[in-house]
Amino acid sequence: GSLRLSCATSRSIYTFDHMGWYRQAPGKERELVAD
């Protein structure tokens, strides 16, 4: 199946130099998914 995640920011995303999605499963370290 499919899902779409959103991240709403409190200010313009033009002000962010870099953005990304991370994930963490039980017993595992947080890992970078996409940036």
Full PDB file with SEQRES, HELIX, SHEET, SSBOND, CRYST1, ORIGX, SCALE, CONECT and MASTER records, all heavy atoms in Angstrom:
SEQRES   1 A   35  GLY SER LEU ARG LEU SER CYS ALA THR SER ARG SER ILE          
SEQRES   2 A   35  TYR THR PHE ASP HIS MET GLY TRP TYR ARG GLN ALA PRO          
SEQRES   3 A   35  GLY LYS GLU ARG GLU LEU VAL ALA ASP                          
HELIX    1 AA1 ILE A   13  THR A   15  5                                   3    
SHEET    1 AA1 2 TRP A  21  ARG A  23  0                                        
SHEET    2 AA1 2 GLU A  31  ALA A  34 -1                                        
CRYST1    1.000    1.000    1.000  90.00  90.00  90.00 P 1           1          
ORIGX1      1.000000  0.000000  0.000000        0.00000                         
ORIGX2      0.000000  1.000000  0.000000        0.00000                         
ORIGX3      0.000000  0.000000  1.000000        0.00000                         
SCALE1      1.000000  0.000000  0.000000        0.00000                         
SCALE2      0.000000  1.000000  0.000000        0.00000                         
SCALE3      0.000000  0.000000  1.000000        0.00000                         
ATOM      1  N   GLY A   1       0.800  -1.205   0.000  1.00  0.00           N  
ATOM      2  CA  GLY A   1       0.000   0.000   0.000  1.00  0.00           C  
ATOM      3  C   GLY A   1       0.838   1.261   0.000  1.00  0.00           C  
ATOM      4  O   GLY A   1       2.066   1.221  -0.063  1.00  0.00           O  
ATOM      5  N   SER A   2       0.156   2.402   0.096  1.00  0.00           N  
ATOM      6  CA  SER A   2       0.814   3.701   0.037  1.00  0.00           C  
ATOM      7  C   SER A   2       0.335   4.620   1.151  1.00  0.00           C  
ATOM      8  O   SER A   2      -0.796   4.507   1.631  1.00  0.00           O  
ATOM      9  CB  SER A   2       0.544   4.380  -1.309  1.00  0.00           C  
ATOM     10  OG  SER A   2       1.060   3.634  -2.394  1.00  0.00           O  
ATOM     11  N   LEU A   3       1.201   5.527   1.544  1.00  0.00           N  
ATOM     12  CA  LEU A   3       0.883   6.597   2.475  1.00  0.00           C  
ATOM     13  C   LEU A   3       1.620   7.843   2.040  1.00  0.00           C  
ATOM     14  O   LEU A   3       2.669   7.759   1.393  1.00  0.00           O  
ATOM     15  CB  LEU A   3       1.297   6.255   3.904  1.00  0.00           C  
ATOM     16  CG  LEU A   3       0.473   5.248   4.696  1.00  0.00           C  
ATOM     17  CD1 LEU A   3       1.163   4.947   6.022  1.00  0.00           C  
ATOM     18  CD2 LEU A   3      -0.931   5.774   4.944  1.00  0.00           C  
ATOM     19  N   ARG A   4       1.081   9.000   2.395  1.00  0.00           N  
ATOM     20  CA  ARG A   4       1.780  10.251   2.169  1.00  0.00           C  
ATOM     21  C   ARG A   4       1.885  11.007   3.483  1.00  0.00           C  
ATOM     22  O   ARG A   4       0.871  11.340   4.097  1.00  0.00           O  
ATOM     23  CB  ARG A   4       1.077  11.122   1.120  1.00  0.00           C  
ATOM     24  CG  ARG A   4       1.893  12.357   0.733  1.00  0.00           C  
ATOM     25  CD  ARG A   4       1.347  13.082  -0.476  1.00  0.00           C  
ATOM     26  NE  ARG A   4       0.077  13.743  -0.207  1.00  0.00           N  
ATOM     27  CZ  ARG A   4      -0.457  14.672  -0.998  1.00  0.00           C  
ATOM     28  NH1 ARG A   4       0.182  15.043  -2.109  1.00  0.00           N  
ATOM     29  NH2 ARG A   4      -1.629  15.204  -0.688  1.00  0.00           N  
ATOM     30  N   LEU A   5       3.106  11.258   3.905  1.00  0.00           N  
ATOM     31  CA  LEU A   5       3.366  11.980   5.130  1.00  0.00           C  
ATOM     32  C   LEU A   5       3.582  13.453   4.835  1.00  0.00           C  
ATOM     33  O   LEU A   5       4.164  13.816   3.808  1.00  0.00           O  
ATOM     34  CB  LEU A   5       4.606  11.431   5.842  1.00  0.00           C  
ATOM     35  CG  LEU A   5       4.643   9.931   6.132  1.00  0.00           C  
ATOM     36  CD1 LEU A   5       5.913   9.587   6.900  1.00  0.00           C  
ATOM     37  CD2 LEU A   5       3.402   9.496   6.892  1.00  0.00           C  
ATOM     38  N   SER A   6       3.119  14.302   5.727  1.00  0.00           N  
ATOM     39  CA  SER A   6       3.325  15.731   5.590  1.00  0.00           C  
ATOM     40  C   SER A   6       3.999  16.291   6.828  1.00  0.00           C  
ATOM     41  O   SER A   6       3.844  15.771   7.934  1.00  0.00           O  
ATOM     42  CB  SER A   6       2.002  16.465   5.342  1.00  0.00           C  
ATOM     43  OG  SER A   6       1.136  16.357   6.459  1.00  0.00           O  
ATOM     44  N   CYS A   7       4.747  17.344   6.628  1.00  0.00           N  
ATOM     45  CA  CYS A   7       5.404  18.056   7.711  1.00  0.00           C  
ATOM     46  C   CYS A   7       5.118  19.537   7.515  1.00  0.00           C  
ATOM     47  O   CYS A   7       5.701  20.168   6.619  1.00  0.00           O  
ATOM     48  CB  CYS A   7       6.907  17.777   7.700  1.00  0.00           C  
ATOM     49  SG  CYS A   7       7.864  18.790   8.845  1.00  0.00           S  
ATOM     50  N   ALA A   8       4.228  20.072   8.322  1.00  0.00           N  
ATOM     51  CA  ALA A   8       3.879  21.487   8.251  1.00  0.00           C  
ATOM     52  C   ALA A   8       4.851  22.290   9.096  1.00  0.00           C  
ATOM     53  O   ALA A   8       5.114  21.944  10.245  1.00  0.00           O  
ATOM     54  CB  ALA A   8       2.450  21.705   8.732  1.00  0.00           C  
ATOM     55  N   THR A   9       5.370  23.357   8.537  1.00  0.00           N  
ATOM     56  CA  THR A   9       6.361  24.177   9.225  1.00  0.00           C  
ATOM     57  C   THR A   9       5.759  25.514   9.629  1.00  0.00           C  
ATOM     58  O   THR A   9       4.834  26.023   8.991  1.00  0.00           O  
ATOM     59  CB  THR A   9       7.600  24.409   8.364  1.00  0.00           C  
ATOM     60  OG1 THR A   9       7.257  25.209   7.223  1.00  0.00           O  
ATOM     61  CG2 THR A   9       8.169  23.085   7.884  1.00  0.00           C  
ATOM     62  N   SER A  10       6.320  26.104  10.675  1.00  0.00           N  
ATOM     63  CA  SER A  10       5.791  27.347  11.211  1.00  0.00           C  
ATOM     64  C   SER A  10       6.284  28.581  10.464  1.00  0.00           C  
ATOM     65  O   SER A  10       5.856  29.691  10.777  1.00  0.00           O  
ATOM     66  CB  SER A  10       6.136  27.470  12.698  1.00  0.00           C  
ATOM     67  OG  SER A  10       7.535  27.488  12.889  1.00  0.00           O  
ATOM     68  N   ARG A  11       7.159  28.407   9.513  1.00  0.00           N  
ATOM     69  CA  ARG A  11       7.647  29.518   8.713  1.00  0.00           C  
ATOM     70  C   ARG A  11       8.005  29.016   7.327  1.00  0.00           C  
ATOM     71  O   ARG A  11       7.996  27.812   7.067  1.00  0.00           O  
ATOM     72  CB  ARG A  11       8.841  30.197   9.384  1.00  0.00           C  
ATOM     73  CG  ARG A  11      10.122  29.379   9.400  1.00  0.00           C  
ATOM     74  CD  ARG A  11      11.186  30.063  10.231  1.00  0.00           C  
ATOM     75  NE  ARG A  11      12.504  29.538   9.958  1.00  0.00           N  
ATOM     76  CZ  ARG A  11      13.584  29.838  10.676  1.00  0.00           C  
ATOM     77  NH1 ARG A  11      13.490  30.650  11.710  1.00  0.00           N  
ATOM     78  NH2 ARG A  11      14.762  29.316  10.344  1.00  0.00           N  
ATOM     79  N   SER A  12       8.353  29.936   6.444  1.00  0.00           N  
ATOM     80  CA  SER A  12       8.666  29.597   5.062  1.00  0.00           C  
ATOM     81  C   SER A  12       9.795  28.578   4.981  1.00  0.00           C  
ATOM     82  O   SER A  12      10.821  28.716   5.636  1.00  0.00           O  
ATOM     83  CB  SER A  12       9.046  30.853   4.281  1.00  0.00           C  
ATOM     84  OG  SER A  12       9.492  30.518   2.983  1.00  0.00           O  
ATOM     85  N   ILE A  13       9.594  27.562   4.133  1.00  0.00           N  
ATOM     86  CA  ILE A  13      10.645  26.557   3.981  1.00  0.00           C  
ATOM     87  C   ILE A  13      11.822  27.100   3.186  1.00  0.00           C  
ATOM     88  O   ILE A  13      12.860  26.433   3.112  1.00  0.00           O  
ATOM     89  CB  ILE A  13      10.105  25.263   3.346  1.00  0.00           C  
ATOM     90  CG1 ILE A  13       9.534  25.516   1.955  1.00  0.00           C  
ATOM     91  CG2 ILE A  13       9.061  24.619   4.243  1.00  0.00           C  
ATOM     92  CD1 ILE A  13       9.126  24.239   1.239  1.00  0.00           C  
ATOM     93  N   TYR A  14      11.683  28.271   2.618  1.00  0.00           N  
ATOM     94  CA  TYR A  14      12.828  28.929   1.981  1.00  0.00           C  
ATOM     95  C   TYR A  14      13.931  29.196   3.004  1.00  0.00           C  
ATOM     96  O   TYR A  14      15.102  29.310   2.635  1.00  0.00           O  
ATOM     97  CB  TYR A  14      12.419  30.251   1.342  1.00  0.00           C  
ATOM     98  CG  TYR A  14      11.705  30.145   0.032  1.00  0.00           C  
ATOM     99  CD1 TYR A  14      10.363  30.486  -0.088  1.00  0.00           C  
ATOM    100  CD2 TYR A  14      12.377  29.730  -1.118  1.00  0.00           C  
ATOM    101  CE1 TYR A  14       9.706  30.400  -1.299  1.00  0.00           C  
ATOM    102  CE2 TYR A  14      11.726  29.642  -2.335  1.00  0.00           C  
ATOM    103  CZ  TYR A  14      10.386  29.982  -2.422  1.00  0.00           C  
ATOM    104  OH  TYR A  14       9.737  29.900  -3.635  1.00  0.00           O  
ATOM    105  N   THR A  15      13.555  29.311   4.267  1.00  0.00           N  
ATOM    106  CA  THR A  15      14.518  29.642   5.307  1.00  0.00           C  
ATOM    107  C   THR A  15      15.320  28.434   5.784  1.00  0.00           C  
ATOM    108  O   THR A  15      16.279  28.599   6.534  1.00  0.00           O  
ATOM    109  CB  THR A  15      13.829  30.288   6.512  1.00  0.00           C  
ATOM    110  OG1 THR A  15      12.932  29.358   7.132  1.00  0.00           O  
ATOM    111  CG2 THR A  15      13.040  31.521   6.070  1.00  0.00           C  
ATOM    112  N   PHE A  16      14.919  27.228   5.377  1.00  0.00           N  
ATOM    113  CA  PHE A  16      15.640  26.025   5.776  1.00  0.00           C  
ATOM    114  C   PHE A  16      16.676  25.656   4.719  1.00  0.00           C  
ATOM    115  O   PHE A  16      16.354  25.549   3.533  1.00  0.00           O  
ATOM    116  CB  PHE A  16      14.682  24.855   5.987  1.00  0.00           C  
ATOM    117  CG  PHE A  16      13.666  25.093   7.061  1.00  0.00           C  
ATOM    118  CD1 PHE A  16      12.312  25.078   6.775  1.00  0.00           C  
ATOM    119  CD2 PHE A  16      14.063  25.340   8.362  1.00  0.00           C  
ATOM    120  CE1 PHE A  16      11.368  25.297   7.759  1.00  0.00           C  
ATOM    121  CE2 PHE A  16      13.131  25.563   9.367  1.00  0.00           C  
ATOM    122  CZ  PHE A  16      11.778  25.539   9.055  1.00  0.00           C  
ATOM    123  N   ASP A  17      17.901  25.448   5.149  1.00  0.00           N  
ATOM    124  CA  ASP A  17      18.970  25.085   4.229  1.00  0.00           C  
ATOM    125  C   ASP A  17      18.878  23.626   3.784  1.00  0.00           C  
ATOM    126  O   ASP A  17      19.364  23.269   2.707  1.00  0.00           O  
ATOM    127  CB  ASP A  17      20.326  25.336   4.886  1.00  0.00           C  
ATOM    128  CG  ASP A  17      20.533  26.797   5.251  1.00  0.00           C  
ATOM    129  OD1 ASP A  17      20.502  27.637   4.332  1.00  0.00           O  
ATOM    130  OD2 ASP A  17      20.718  27.086   6.445  1.00  0.00           O  
ATOM    131  N   HIS A  18      18.274  22.788   4.602  1.00  0.00           N  
ATOM    132  CA  HIS A  18      18.185  21.365   4.336  1.00  0.00           C  
ATOM    133  C   HIS A  18      16.993  20.797   5.082  1.00  0.00           C  
ATOM    134  O   HIS A  18      16.706  21.202   6.214  1.00  0.00           O  
ATOM    135  CB  HIS A  18      19.474  20.673   4.789  1.00  0.00           C  
ATOM    136  CG  HIS A  18      19.648  19.288   4.268  1.00  0.00           C  
ATOM    137  ND1 HIS A  18      19.127  18.187   4.918  1.00  0.00           N  
ATOM    138  CD2 HIS A  18      20.283  18.814   3.170  1.00  0.00           C  
ATOM    139  CE1 HIS A  18      19.435  17.108   4.245  1.00  0.00           C  
ATOM    140  NE2 HIS A  18      20.136  17.454   3.180  1.00  0.00           N  
ATOM    141  N   MET A  19      16.283  19.853   4.468  1.00  0.00           N  
ATOM    142  CA  MET A  19      15.165  19.192   5.120  1.00  0.00           C  
ATOM    143  C   MET A  19      15.219  17.701   4.807  1.00  0.00           C  
ATOM    144  O   MET A  19      15.766  17.292   3.780  1.00  0.00           O  
ATOM    145  CB  MET A  19      13.819  19.765   4.670  1.00  0.00           C  
ATOM    146  CG  MET A  19      13.655  21.252   4.936  1.00  0.00           C  
ATOM    147  SD  MET A  19      11.980  21.851   4.583  1.00  0.00           S  
ATOM    148  CE  MET A  19      11.096  21.189   6.012  1.00  0.00           C  
ATOM    149  N   GLY A  20      14.642  16.905   5.700  1.00  0.00           N  
ATOM    150  CA  GLY A  20      14.664  15.474   5.470  1.00  0.00           C  
ATOM    151  C   GLY A  20      13.670  14.717   6.330  1.00  0.00           C  
ATOM    152  O   GLY A  20      13.037  15.270   7.229  1.00  0.00           O  
ATOM    153  N   TRP A  21      13.538  13.448   5.998  1.00  0.00           N  
ATOM    154  CA  TRP A  21      12.726  12.520   6.772  1.00  0.00           C  
ATOM    155  C   TRP A  21      13.619  11.432   7.356  1.00  0.00           C  
ATOM    156  O   TRP A  21      14.440  10.848   6.639  1.00  0.00           O  
ATOM    157  CB  TRP A  21      11.641  11.864   5.913  1.00  0.00           C  
ATOM    158  CG  TRP A  21      10.509  12.776   5.556  1.00  0.00           C  
ATOM    159  CD1 TRP A  21      10.366  13.511   4.420  1.00  0.00           C  
ATOM    160  CD2 TRP A  21       9.347  13.025   6.353  1.00  0.00           C  
ATOM    161  NE1 TRP A  21       9.186  14.210   4.448  1.00  0.00           N  
ATOM    162  CE2 TRP A  21       8.541  13.931   5.625  1.00  0.00           C  
ATOM    163  CE3 TRP A  21       8.905  12.574   7.594  1.00  0.00           C  
ATOM    164  CZ2 TRP A  21       7.320  14.396   6.116  1.00  0.00           C  
ATOM    165  CZ3 TRP A  21       7.693  13.039   8.082  1.00  0.00           C  
ATOM    166  CH2 TRP A  21       6.921  13.935   7.337  1.00  0.00           C  
ATOM    167  N   TYR A  22      13.451  11.172   8.642  1.00  0.00           N  
ATOM    168  CA  TYR A  22      14.136  10.101   9.342  1.00  0.00           C  
ATOM    169  C   TYR A  22      13.098   9.125   9.885  1.00  0.00           C  
ATOM    170  O   TYR A  22      11.922   9.448   9.991  1.00  0.00           O  
ATOM    171  CB  TYR A  22      14.965  10.644  10.503  1.00  0.00           C  
ATOM    172  CG  TYR A  22      16.198  11.427  10.095  1.00  0.00           C  
ATOM    173  CD1 TYR A  22      16.101  12.695   9.543  1.00  0.00           C  
ATOM    174  CD2 TYR A  22      17.473  10.889  10.291  1.00  0.00           C  
ATOM    175  CE1 TYR A  22      17.226  13.414   9.182  1.00  0.00           C  
ATOM    176  CE2 TYR A  22      18.607  11.601   9.939  1.00  0.00           C  
ATOM    177  CZ  TYR A  22      18.473  12.866   9.382  1.00  0.00           C  
ATOM    178  OH  TYR A  22      19.607  13.570   9.036  1.00  0.00           O  
ATOM    179  N   ARG A  23      13.543   7.933  10.240  1.00  0.00           N  
ATOM    180  CA  ARG A  23      12.655   6.981  10.882  1.00  0.00           C  
ATOM    181  C   ARG A  23      13.407   6.186  11.926  1.00  0.00           C  
ATOM    182  O   ARG A  23      14.618   6.019  11.858  1.00  0.00           O  
ATOM    183  CB  ARG A  23      12.006   6.040   9.856  1.00  0.00           C  
ATOM    184  CG  ARG A  23      12.965   5.067   9.176  1.00  0.00           C  
ATOM    185  CD  ARG A  23      12.231   4.285   8.089  1.00  0.00           C  
ATOM    186  NE  ARG A  23      13.109   3.320   7.438  1.00  0.00           N  
ATOM    187  CZ  ARG A  23      12.764   2.617   6.361  1.00  0.00           C  
ATOM    188  NH1 ARG A  23      11.561   2.781   5.818  1.00  0.00           N  
ATOM    189  NH2 ARG A  23      13.620   1.747   5.824  1.00  0.00           N  
ATOM    190  N   GLN A  24      12.653   5.687  12.901  1.00  0.00           N  
ATOM    191  CA  GLN A  24      13.235   4.881  13.960  1.00  0.00           C  
ATOM    192  C   GLN A  24      12.276   3.759  14.323  1.00  0.00           C  
ATOM    193  O   GLN A  24      11.133   4.011  14.714  1.00  0.00           O  
ATOM    194  CB  GLN A  24      13.551   5.726  15.193  1.00  0.00           C  
ATOM    195  CG  GLN A  24      14.308   4.974  16.276  1.00  0.00           C  
ATOM    196  CD  GLN A  24      14.860   5.886  17.346  1.00  0.00           C  
ATOM    197  OE1 GLN A  24      14.342   6.984  17.559  1.00  0.00           O  
ATOM    198  NE2 GLN A  24      15.912   5.451  18.010  1.00  0.00           N  
ATOM    199  N   ALA A  25      12.748   2.537  14.187  1.00  0.00           N  
ATOM    200  CA  ALA A  25      11.983   1.356  14.564  1.00  0.00           C  
ATOM    201  C   ALA A  25      12.431   0.888  15.942  1.00  0.00           C  
ATOM    202  O   ALA A  25      13.549   1.184  16.373  1.00  0.00           O  
ATOM    203  CB  ALA A  25      12.180   0.246  13.534  1.00  0.00           C  
ATOM    204  N   PRO A  26      11.582   0.150  16.663  1.00  0.00           N  
ATOM    205  CA  PRO A  26      11.969  -0.349  17.985  1.00  0.00           C  
ATOM    206  C   PRO A  26      13.266  -1.144  17.939  1.00  0.00           C  
ATOM    207  O   PRO A  26      13.437  -2.025  17.093  1.00  0.00           O  
ATOM    208  CB  PRO A  26      10.790  -1.233  18.381  1.00  0.00           C  
ATOM    209  CG  PRO A  26       9.632  -0.657  17.638  1.00  0.00           C  
ATOM    210  CD  PRO A  26      10.202  -0.221  16.318  1.00  0.00           C  
ATOM    211  N   GLY A  27      14.184  -0.826  18.839  1.00  0.00           N  
ATOM    212  CA  GLY A  27      15.448  -1.527  18.900  1.00  0.00           C  
ATOM    213  C   GLY A  27      16.474  -1.097  17.878  1.00  0.00           C  
ATOM    214  O   GLY A  27      17.569  -1.680  17.827  1.00  0.00           O  
ATOM    215  N   LYS A  28      16.154  -0.094  17.070  1.00  0.00           N  
ATOM    216  CA  LYS A  28      17.076   0.375  16.049  1.00  0.00           C  
ATOM    217  C   LYS A  28      17.360   1.861  16.228  1.00  0.00           C  
ATOM    218  O   LYS A  28      16.586   2.593  16.840  1.00  0.00           O  
ATOM    219  CB  LYS A  28      16.513   0.124  14.653  1.00  0.00           C  
ATOM    220  CG  LYS A  28      16.318  -1.341  14.300  1.00  0.00           C  
ATOM    221  CD  LYS A  28      15.831  -1.496  12.875  1.00  0.00           C  
ATOM    222  CE  LYS A  28      15.675  -2.954  12.494  1.00  0.00           C  
ATOM    223  NZ  LYS A  28      15.194  -3.108  11.097  1.00  0.00           N  
ATOM    224  N   GLU A  29      18.480   2.293  15.680  1.00  0.00           N  
ATOM    225  CA  GLU A  29      18.831   3.700  15.713  1.00  0.00           C  
ATOM    226  C   GLU A  29      18.052   4.471  14.653  1.00  0.00           C  
ATOM    227  O   GLU A  29      17.615   3.909  13.648  1.00  0.00           O  
ATOM    228  CB  GLU A  29      20.333   3.886  15.492  1.00  0.00           C  
ATOM    229  CG  GLU A  29      21.203   3.290  16.585  1.00  0.00           C  
ATOM    230  CD  GLU A  29      22.677   3.581  16.385  1.00  0.00           C  
ATOM    231  OE1 GLU A  29      23.039   4.117  15.317  1.00  0.00           O  
ATOM    232  OE2 GLU A  29      23.462   3.287  17.292  1.00  0.00           O  
ATOM    233  N   ARG A  30      17.887   5.756  14.897  1.00  0.00           N  
ATOM    234  CA  ARG A  30      17.234   6.602  13.920  1.00  0.00           C  
ATOM    235  C   ARG A  30      18.078   6.663  12.649  1.00  0.00           C  
ATOM    236  O   ARG A  30      19.294   6.847  12.706  1.00  0.00           O  
ATOM    237  CB  ARG A  30      17.013   8.002  14.491  1.00  0.00           C  
ATOM    238  CG  ARG A  30      16.199   8.921  13.600  1.00  0.00           C  
ATOM    239  CD  ARG A  30      15.906  10.252  14.282  1.00  0.00           C  
ATOM    240  NE  ARG A  30      15.115  10.074  15.499  1.00  0.00           N  
ATOM    241  CZ  ARG A  30      14.618  11.073  16.207  1.00  0.00           C  
ATOM    242  NH1 ARG A  30      14.809  12.327  15.828  1.00  0.00           N  
ATOM    243  NH2 ARG A  30      13.922  10.820  17.312  1.00  0.00           N  
ATOM    244  N   GLU A  31      17.422   6.514  11.502  1.00  0.00           N  
ATOM    245  CA  GLU A  31      18.133   6.501  10.240  1.00  0.00           C  
ATOM    246  C   GLU A  31      17.521   7.496   9.263  1.00  0.00           C  
ATOM    247  O   GLU A  31      16.322   7.766   9.285  1.00  0.00           O  
ATOM    248  CB  GLU A  31      18.120   5.103   9.616  1.00  0.00           C  
ATOM    249  CG  GLU A  31      16.739   4.607   9.231  1.00  0.00           C  
ATOM    250  CD  GLU A  31      16.756   3.277   8.500  1.00  0.00           C  
ATOM    251  OE1 GLU A  31      17.829   2.864   8.032  1.00  0.00           O  
ATOM    252  OE2 GLU A  31      15.681   2.642   8.408  1.00  0.00           O  
ATOM    253  N   LEU A  32      18.360   8.022   8.403  1.00  0.00           N  
ATOM    254  CA  LEU A  32      17.908   8.935   7.361  1.00  0.00           C  
ATOM    255  C   LEU A  32      17.204   8.156   6.264  1.00  0.00           C  
ATOM    256  O   LEU A  32      17.742   7.182   5.742  1.00  0.00           O  
ATOM    257  CB  LEU A  32      19.089   9.707   6.786  1.00  0.00           C  
ATOM    258  CG  LEU A  32      18.790  10.652   5.616  1.00  0.00           C  
ATOM    259  CD1 LEU A  32      17.890  11.790   6.063  1.00  0.00           C  
ATOM    260  CD2 LEU A  32      20.093  11.195   5.032  1.00  0.00           C  
ATOM    261  N   VAL A  33      16.009   8.589   5.905  1.00  0.00           N  
ATOM    262  CA  VAL A  33      15.233   7.972   4.843  1.00  0.00           C  
ATOM    263  C   VAL A  33      15.408   8.727   3.534  1.00  0.00           C  
ATOM    264  O   VAL A  33      15.668   8.134   2.485  1.00  0.00           O  
ATOM    265  CB  VAL A  33      13.741   7.908   5.212  1.00  0.00           C  
ATOM    266  CG1 VAL A  33      12.917   7.357   4.058  1.00  0.00           C  
ATOM    267  CG2 VAL A  33      13.548   7.051   6.466  1.00  0.00           C  
ATOM    268  N   ALA A  34      15.240  10.042   3.589  1.00  0.00           N  
ATOM    269  CA  ALA A  34      15.333  10.873   2.399  1.00  0.00           C  
ATOM    270  C   ALA A  34      15.652  12.291   2.816  1.00  0.00           C  
ATOM    271  O   ALA A  34      15.243  12.737   3.883  1.00  0.00           O  
ATOM    272  CB  ALA A  34      14.026  10.845   1.597  1.00  0.00           C  
ATOM    273  N   ASP A  35      16.384  13.000   1.979  1.00  0.00           N  
ATOM    274  CA  ASP A  35      16.647  14.402   2.257  1.00  0.00           C  
ATOM    275  C   ASP A  35      16.586  15.217   0.976  1.00  0.00           C  
ATOM    276  O   ASP A  35      16.638  14.674  -0.132  1.00  0.00           O  
ATOM    277  CB  ASP A  35      17.976  14.613   2.996  1.00  0.00           C  
ATOM    278  CG  ASP A  35      19.197  14.076   2.255  1.00  0.00           C  
ATOM    279  OD1 ASP A  35      19.118  13.841   1.031  1.00  0.00           O  
ATOM    280  OD2 ASP A  35      20.240  13.901   2.910  1.00  0.00           O  
TER     281      ASP A  35                                                      
MASTER        0    0    0    1    2    0    0    6  280    1    0    3          
END                                                                             
